[in-house]
C-alpha atoms as a PDB file:
ATOM      1  CA  MET A   1     132.017  52.524 -25.365  1.00  0.00           C
ATOM      2  CA  SER A   2     134.479  50.827 -27.650  1.00  0.00           C
ATOM      3  CA  ALA A   3     133.817  49.836 -31.236  1.00  0.00           C
ATOM      4  CA  TYR A   4     136.144  46.827 -30.966  1.00  0.00           C
ATOM      5  CA  THR A   5     134.676  43.372 -30.410  1.00  0.00           C
ATOM      6  CA  PHE A   6     136.398  40.150 -29.488  1.00  0.00           C
ATOM      7  CA  ARG A   7     135.230  36.876 -31.017  1.00  0.00           C
ATOM      8  CA  SER A   8     136.521  33.446 -30.173  1.00  0.00           C
ATOM      9  CA  SER A   9     135.459  29.972 -31.207  1.00  0.00           C
ATOM     10  CA  ARG A  10     136.194  28.667 -27.715  1.00  0.00           C
ATOM     11  CA  PRO A  11     133.677  29.359 -24.918  1.00  0.00           C
ATOM     12  CA  ASP A  12     134.856  31.278 -21.891  1.00  0.00           C
ATOM     13  CA  LYS A  13     136.184  29.365 -18.882  1.00  0.00           C
ATOM     14  CA  TRP A  14     133.493  30.699 -16.560  1.00  0.00           C
ATOM     15  CA  VAL A  15     130.680  29.721 -18.945  1.00  0.00           C
ATOM     16  CA  SER A  16     131.680  26.149 -19.766  1.00  0.00           C
ATOM     17  CA  PRO A  17     130.790  23.527 -17.127  1.00  0.00           C
ATOM     18  CA  ARG A  18     133.517  22.141 -14.899  1.00  0.00           C
ATOM     19  CA  PRO A  19     134.386  18.438 -15.094  1.00  0.00           C
ATOM     20  CA  SER A  20     132.731  16.254 -12.482  1.00  0.00           C
ATOM     21  CA  ARG A  21     134.687  15.631  -9.288  1.00  0.00           C
ATOM     22  CA  ASP A  22     134.554  11.873  -8.812  1.00  0.00           C
ATOM     23  CA  PRO A  23     135.157  11.052  -5.106  1.00  0.00           C
ATOM     24  CA  ALA A  24     137.003   7.822  -5.927  1.00  0.00           C
ATOM     25  CA  ARG A  25     139.340   9.655  -8.294  1.00  0.00           C
ATOM     26  CA  LEU A  26     140.010  12.398  -5.745  1.00  0.00           C
ATOM     27  CA  ALA A  27     140.755   9.794  -3.070  1.00  0.00           C
ATOM     28  CA  ALA A  28     143.196   8.059  -5.405  1.00  0.00           C
ATOM     29  CA  ILE A  29     144.998  11.341  -6.094  1.00  0.00           C
ATOM     30  CA  HIS A  30     144.987  12.951  -2.635  1.00  0.00           C
ATOM     31  CA  GLY A  31     144.580   9.973  -0.305  1.00  0.00           C
ATOM     32  CA  PRO A  32     141.769   9.292   2.149  1.00  0.00           C
ATOM     33  CA  LEU A  33     140.011  12.060   4.033  1.00  0.00           C
ATOM     34  CA  ARG A  34     141.347  12.618   7.533  1.00  0.00           C
ATOM     35  CA  PRO A  35     139.527  14.517  10.264  1.00  0.00           C
ATOM     36  CA  MET A  36     141.280  17.735  11.275  1.00  0.00           C
ATOM     37  CA  HIS A  37     140.591  17.449  15.001  1.00  0.00           C
ATOM     38  CA  ASP A  38     142.707  14.293  15.286  1.00  0.00           C
ATOM     39  CA  GLU A  39     145.833  15.992  13.934  1.00  0.00           C
ATOM     40  CA  PRO A  40     148.297  17.135  16.613  1.00  0.00           C
ATOM     41  CA  GLY A  41     149.181  20.817  16.588  1.00  0.00           C
ATOM     42  CA  LEU A  42     152.521  22.325  15.643  1.00  0.00           C
ATOM     43  CA  ILE A  43     153.842  22.446  19.224  1.00  0.00           C
ATOM     44  CA  ALA A  44     152.798  18.828  19.882  1.00  0.00           C
ATOM     45  CA  ARG A  45     154.590  17.700  16.737  1.00  0.00           C
ATOM     46  CA  LEU A  46     157.747  19.659  17.564  1.00  0.00           C
ATOM     47  CA  PHE A  47     158.043  18.271  21.080  1.00  0.00           C
ATOM     48  CA  GLY A  48     156.762  14.760  20.272  1.00  0.00           C
ATOM     49  CA  LEU A  49     153.724  15.070  22.493  1.00  0.00           C
ATOM     50  CA  ARG A  50     150.715  12.799  22.163  1.00  0.00           C
END
């Protein structure tokens, strides 16, 4: 065991709560949600299928 201790005035990242994830803010940043099954695959995009 070590005799050294570490003290900080700031709480640890994993202890402090995360900011709320507002759905409207996320949609404004990343765009609307799109279903994955409607996306064409890599081969379909390369050859212009669909």
